[in-house]
Amino acid sequence: MAGSFYRVKCPDCENEQTIFGRASTEVACAVCGHTLARPTGGEADIEGEVVDVVAAR
């Protein structure tokens, strides 16, 4: 299972959080609860600014 981890900045509170690019569940911001990623059956739909690719395999 190949995938990447991304550091994403929340559009509401600007918290930066690391998320998996192929998330199978919704990922919420740990600070304000805004949805950062929604599953699509493949690469997740990321809501927010991707700041960095943390790891790629």
PDB file of N, CA and C in Angstrom:
ATOM      1  N   MET A   1       0.843  -1.176   0.000  1.00  0.00           N
ATOM      2  CA  MET A   1       0.000   0.000   0.000  1.00  0.00           C
ATOM      3  C   MET A   1       0.889   1.240   0.000  1.00  0.00           C
ATOM      4  N   ALA A   2       1.007   1.873  -1.121  1.00  0.00           N
ATOM      5  CA  ALA A   2       1.821   3.073  -1.225  1.00  0.00           C
ATOM      6  C   ALA A   2       0.982   4.293  -0.900  1.00  0.00           C
ATOM      7  N   GLY A   3       1.627   5.278  -0.344  1.00  0.00           N
ATOM      8  CA  GLY A   3       0.925   6.514  -0.014  1.00  0.00           C
ATOM      9  C   GLY A   3       1.887   7.518   0.558  1.00  0.00           C
ATOM     10  N   SER A   4       1.423   8.713   0.713  1.00  0.00           N
ATOM     11  CA  SER A   4       2.236   9.785   1.246  1.00  0.00           C
ATOM     12  C   SER A   4       1.565  10.404   2.459  1.00  0.00           C
ATOM     13  N   PHE A   5       2.370  11.002   3.303  1.00  0.00           N
ATOM     14  CA  PHE A   5       1.879  11.777   4.421  1.00  0.00           C
ATOM     15  C   PHE A   5       2.102  13.241   4.088  1.00  0.00           C
ATOM     16  N   TYR A   6       1.122  14.064   4.405  1.00  0.00           N
ATOM     17  CA  TYR A   6       1.189  15.487   4.086  1.00  0.00           C
ATOM     18  C   TYR A   6       1.024  16.320   5.346  1.00  0.00           C
ATOM     19  N   ARG A   7       1.757  17.428   5.408  1.00  0.00           N
ATOM     20  CA  ARG A   7       1.534  18.407   6.461  1.00  0.00           C
ATOM     21  C   ARG A   7       0.568  19.427   5.874  1.00  0.00           C
ATOM     22  N   VAL A   8      -0.624  19.535   6.491  1.00  0.00           N
ATOM     23  CA  VAL A   8      -1.701  20.376   5.977  1.00  0.00           C
ATOM     24  C   VAL A   8      -2.011  21.477   6.988  1.00  0.00           C
ATOM     25  N   LYS A   9      -2.197  22.704   6.473  1.00  0.00           N
ATOM     26  CA  LYS A   9      -2.555  23.842   7.319  1.00  0.00           C
ATOM     27  C   LYS A   9      -4.066  24.016   7.285  1.00  0.00           C
ATOM     28  N   CYS A  10      -4.677  24.051   8.459  1.00  0.00           N
ATOM     29  CA  CYS A  10      -6.123  24.225   8.578  1.00  0.00           C
ATOM     30  C   CYS A  10      -6.504  25.631   8.096  1.00  0.00           C
ATOM     31  N   PRO A  11      -7.531  25.734   7.234  1.00  0.00           N
ATOM     32  CA  PRO A  11      -7.938  27.048   6.739  1.00  0.00           C
ATOM     33  C   PRO A  11      -8.617  27.910   7.801  1.00  0.00           C
ATOM     34  N   ASP A  12      -9.101  27.318   8.888  1.00  0.00           N
ATOM     35  CA  ASP A  12      -9.788  28.084   9.933  1.00  0.00           C
ATOM     36  C   ASP A  12      -8.839  28.599  11.010  1.00  0.00           C
ATOM     37  N   CYS A  13      -8.023  27.712  11.586  1.00  0.00           N
ATOM     38  CA  CYS A  13      -7.194  28.103  12.733  1.00  0.00           C
ATOM     39  C   CYS A  13      -5.697  28.104  12.432  1.00  0.00           C
ATOM     40  N   GLU A  14      -5.299  27.700  11.225  1.00  0.00           N
ATOM     41  CA  GLU A  14      -3.913  27.656  10.768  1.00  0.00           C
ATOM     42  C   GLU A  14      -3.041  26.647  11.519  1.00  0.00           C
ATOM     43  N   ASN A  15      -3.674  25.702  12.216  1.00  0.00           N
ATOM     44  CA  ASN A  15      -2.938  24.602  12.832  1.00  0.00           C
ATOM     45  C   ASN A  15      -2.372  23.720  11.727  1.00  0.00           C
ATOM     46  N   GLU A  16      -1.123  23.261  11.882  1.00  0.00           N
ATOM     47  CA  GLU A  16      -0.540  22.336  10.907  1.00  0.00           C
ATOM     48  C   GLU A  16      -0.612  20.927  11.478  1.00  0.00           C
ATOM     49  N   GLN A  17      -1.086  20.008  10.643  1.00  0.00           N
ATOM     50  CA  GLN A  17      -1.311  18.634  11.080  1.00  0.00           C
ATOM     51  C   GLN A  17      -0.865  17.683   9.984  1.00  0.00           C
ATOM     52  N   THR A  18      -0.290  16.562  10.359  1.00  0.00           N
ATOM     53  CA  THR A  18       0.144  15.554   9.404  1.00  0.00           C
ATOM     54  C   THR A  18      -0.992  14.569   9.176  1.00  0.00           C
ATOM     55  N   ILE A  19      -1.324  14.342   7.892  1.00  0.00           N
ATOM     56  CA  ILE A  19      -2.396  13.406   7.555  1.00  0.00           C
ATOM     57  C   ILE A  19      -1.917  12.459   6.453  1.00  0.00           C
ATOM     58  N   PHE A  20      -2.552  11.296   6.371  1.00  0.00           N
ATOM     59  CA  PHE A  20      -2.235  10.307   5.350  1.00  0.00           C
ATOM     60  C   PHE A  20      -3.002  10.653   4.085  1.00  0.00           C
ATOM     61  N   GLY A  21      -2.341  10.623   2.950  1.00  0.00           N
ATOM     62  CA  GLY A  21      -2.943  11.017   1.685  1.00  0.00           C
ATOM     63  C   GLY A  21      -4.054  10.100   1.207  1.00  0.00           C
ATOM     64  N   ARG A  22      -4.098   8.866   1.683  1.00  0.00           N
ATOM     65  CA  ARG A  22      -5.154   7.928   1.301  1.00  0.00           C
ATOM     66  C   ARG A  22      -6.040   7.615   2.512  1.00  0.00           C
ATOM     67  N   ALA A  23      -6.444   8.652   3.209  1.00  0.00           N
ATOM     68  CA  ALA A  23      -7.260   8.490   4.411  1.00  0.00           C
ATOM     69  C   ALA A  23      -8.569   7.777   4.070  1.00  0.00           C
ATOM     70  N   SER A  24      -8.964   6.826   4.903  1.00  0.00           N
ATOM     71  CA  SER A  24     -10.191   6.064   4.664  1.00  0.00           C
ATOM     72  C   SER A  24     -11.364   6.593   5.487  1.00  0.00           C
ATOM     73  N   THR A  25     -11.095   7.549   6.366  1.00  0.00           N
ATOM     74  CA  THR A  25     -12.147   8.215   7.140  1.00  0.00           C
ATOM     75  C   THR A  25     -11.880   9.716   7.092  1.00  0.00           C
ATOM     76  N   GLU A  26     -12.883  10.511   7.441  1.00  0.00           N
ATOM     77  CA  GLU A  26     -12.684  11.953   7.482  1.00  0.00           C
ATOM     78  C   GLU A  26     -11.659  12.286   8.563  1.00  0.00           C
ATOM     79  N   VAL A  27     -10.775  13.235   8.253  1.00  0.00           N
ATOM     80  CA  VAL A  27      -9.763  13.679   9.199  1.00  0.00           C
ATOM     81  C   VAL A  27     -10.110  15.102   9.610  1.00  0.00           C
ATOM     82  N   ALA A  28     -10.274  15.308  10.915  1.00  0.00           N
ATOM     83  CA  ALA A  28     -10.625  16.625  11.439  1.00  0.00           C
ATOM     84  C   ALA A  28      -9.412  17.284  12.073  1.00  0.00           C
ATOM     85  N   CYS A  29      -9.395  18.606  12.058  1.00  0.00           N
ATOM     86  CA  CYS A  29      -8.339  19.370  12.720  1.00  0.00           C
ATOM     87  C   CYS A  29      -8.397  19.072  14.213  1.00  0.00           C
ATOM     88  N   ALA A  30      -7.249  18.829  14.814  1.00  0.00           N
ATOM     89  CA  ALA A  30      -7.186  18.501  16.236  1.00  0.00           C
ATOM     90  C   ALA A  30      -7.509  19.699  17.122  1.00  0.00           C
ATOM     91  N   VAL A  31      -7.408  20.911  16.576  1.00  0.00           N
ATOM     92  CA  VAL A  31      -7.651  22.111  17.370  1.00  0.00           C
ATOM     93  C   VAL A  31      -9.095  22.592  17.255  1.00  0.00           C
ATOM     94  N   CYS A  32      -9.582  22.798  16.020  1.00  0.00           N
ATOM     95  CA  CYS A  32     -10.903  23.410  15.841  1.00  0.00           C
ATOM     96  C   CYS A  32     -11.969  22.459  15.290  1.00  0.00           C
ATOM     97  N   GLY A  33     -11.563  21.295  14.789  1.00  0.00           N
ATOM     98  CA  GLY A  33     -12.526  20.311  14.299  1.00  0.00           C
ATOM     99  C   GLY A  33     -12.906  20.443  12.834  1.00  0.00           C
ATOM    100  N   HIS A  34     -12.337  21.406  12.113  1.00  0.00           N
ATOM    101  CA  HIS A  34     -12.618  21.564  10.682  1.00  0.00           C
ATOM    102  C   HIS A  34     -12.154  20.317   9.929  1.00  0.00           C
ATOM    103  N   THR A  35     -12.919  19.859   8.954  1.00  0.00           N
ATOM    104  CA  THR A  35     -12.549  18.683   8.175  1.00  0.00           C
ATOM    105  C   THR A  35     -11.379  19.011   7.258  1.00  0.00           C
ATOM    106  N   LEU A  36     -10.275  18.271   7.403  1.00  0.00           N
ATOM    107  CA  LEU A  36      -9.084  18.494   6.589  1.00  0.00           C
ATOM    108  C   LEU A  36      -9.006  17.548   5.402  1.00  0.00           C
ATOM    109  N   ALA A  37      -9.584  16.348   5.521  1.00  0.00           N
ATOM    110  CA  ALA A  37      -9.534  15.384   4.427  1.00  0.00           C
ATOM    111  C   ALA A  37     -10.794  14.535   4.424  1.00  0.00           C
ATOM    112  N   ARG A  38     -11.263  14.246   3.205  1.00  0.00           N
ATOM    113  CA  ARG A  38     -12.431  13.380   3.017  1.00  0.00           C
ATOM    114  C   ARG A  38     -12.011  12.210   2.134  1.00  0.00           C
ATOM    115  N   PRO A  39     -12.422  10.984   2.490  1.00  0.00           N
ATOM    116  CA  PRO A  39     -12.066   9.818   1.676  1.00  0.00           C
ATOM    117  C   PRO A  39     -12.786   9.827   0.337  1.00  0.00           C
ATOM    118  N   THR A  40     -12.111   9.332  -0.699  1.00  0.00           N
ATOM    119  CA  THR A  40     -12.710   9.266  -2.034  1.00  0.00           C
ATOM    120  C   THR A  40     -12.565   7.882  -2.647  1.00  0.00           C
ATOM    121  N   GLY A  41     -12.021   6.932  -1.925  1.00  0.00           N
ATOM    122  CA  GLY A  41     -11.789   5.604  -2.467  1.00  0.00           C
ATOM    123  C   GLY A  41     -10.382   5.452  -3.015  1.00  0.00           C
ATOM    124  N   GLY A  42      -9.644   6.500  -3.030  1.00  0.00           N
ATOM    125  CA  GLY A  42      -8.248   6.522  -3.484  1.00  0.00           C
ATOM    126  C   GLY A  42      -7.539   7.620  -2.726  1.00  0.00           C
ATOM    127  N   GLU A  43      -6.957   8.544  -3.460  1.00  0.00           N
ATOM    128  CA  GLU A  43      -6.315   9.696  -2.827  1.00  0.00           C
ATOM    129  C   GLU A  43      -7.399  10.568  -2.191  1.00  0.00           C
ATOM    130  N   ALA A  44      -7.195  10.954  -0.927  1.00  0.00           N
ATOM    131  CA  ALA A  44      -8.196  11.732  -0.199  1.00  0.00           C
ATOM    132  C   ALA A  44      -8.316  13.145  -0.774  1.00  0.00           C
ATOM    133  N   ASP A  45      -9.503  13.720  -0.648  1.00  0.00           N
ATOM    134  CA  ASP A  45      -9.746  15.103  -1.044  1.00  0.00           C
ATOM    135  C   ASP A  45      -9.317  15.979   0.129  1.00  0.00           C
ATOM    136  N   ILE A  46      -8.210  16.699  -0.029  1.00  0.00           N
ATOM    137  CA  ILE A  46      -7.634  17.484   1.052  1.00  0.00           C
ATOM    138  C   ILE A  46      -8.168  18.912   0.991  1.00  0.00           C
ATOM    139  N   GLU A  47      -8.738  19.353   2.113  1.00  0.00           N
ATOM    140  CA  GLU A  47      -9.235  20.721   2.245  1.00  0.00           C
ATOM    141  C   GLU A  47      -8.237  21.464   3.126  1.00  0.00           C
ATOM    142  N   GLY A  48      -7.569  22.409   2.573  1.00  0.00           N
ATOM    143  CA  GLY A  48      -6.547  23.140   3.309  1.00  0.00           C
ATOM    144  C   GLY A  48      -5.291  23.182   2.465  1.00  0.00           C
ATOM    145  N   GLU A  49      -4.330  23.951   2.906  1.00  0.00           N
ATOM    146  CA  GLU A  49      -3.082  24.131   2.170  1.00  0.00           C
ATOM    147  C   GLU A  49      -2.093  23.026   2.520  1.00  0.00           C
ATOM    148  N   VAL A  50      -1.591  22.314   1.506  1.00  0.00           N
ATOM    149  CA  VAL A  50      -0.560  21.309   1.726  1.00  0.00           C
ATOM    150  C   VAL A  50       0.768  22.066   1.852  1.00  0.00           C
ATOM    151  N   VAL A  51       1.343  22.025   3.049  1.00  0.00           N
ATOM    152  CA  VAL A  51       2.564  22.756   3.339  1.00  0.00           C
ATOM    153  C   VAL A  51       3.794  21.967   2.927  1.00  0.00           C
ATOM    154  N   ASP A  52       3.758  20.629   3.128  1.00  0.00           N
ATOM    155  CA  ASP A  52       4.937  19.813   2.867  1.00  0.00           C
ATOM    156  C   ASP A  52       4.512  18.354   2.691  1.00  0.00           C
ATOM    157  N   VAL A  53       5.299  17.618   1.924  1.00  0.00           N
ATOM    158  CA  VAL A  53       5.151  16.165   1.841  1.00  0.00           C
ATOM    159  C   VAL A  53       6.117  15.605   2.870  1.00  0.00           C
ATOM    160  N   VAL A  54       5.601  14.950   3.895  1.00  0.00           N
ATOM    161  CA  VAL A  54       6.441  14.480   5.003  1.00  0.00           C
ATOM    162  C   VAL A  54       7.160  13.200   4.629  1.00  0.00           C
ATOM    163  N   ALA A  55       6.461  12.246   4.030  1.00  0.00           N
ATOM    164  CA  ALA A  55       7.092  10.978   3.647  1.00  0.00           C
ATOM    165  C   ALA A  55       6.359  10.414   2.444  1.00  0.00           C
ATOM    166  N   ALA A  56       7.119   9.845   1.540  1.00  0.00           N
ATOM    167  CA  ALA A  56       6.521   9.211   0.355  1.00  0.00           C
ATOM    168  C   ALA A  56       7.121   7.838   0.212  1.00  0.00           C
ATOM    169  N   ARG A  57       6.308   6.873  -0.155  1.00  0.00           N
ATOM    170  CA  ARG A  57       6.800   5.497  -0.343  1.00  0.00           C
ATOM    171  C   ARG A  57       6.456   5.054  -1.719  1.00  0.00           C
TER     172      ARG A  57
END
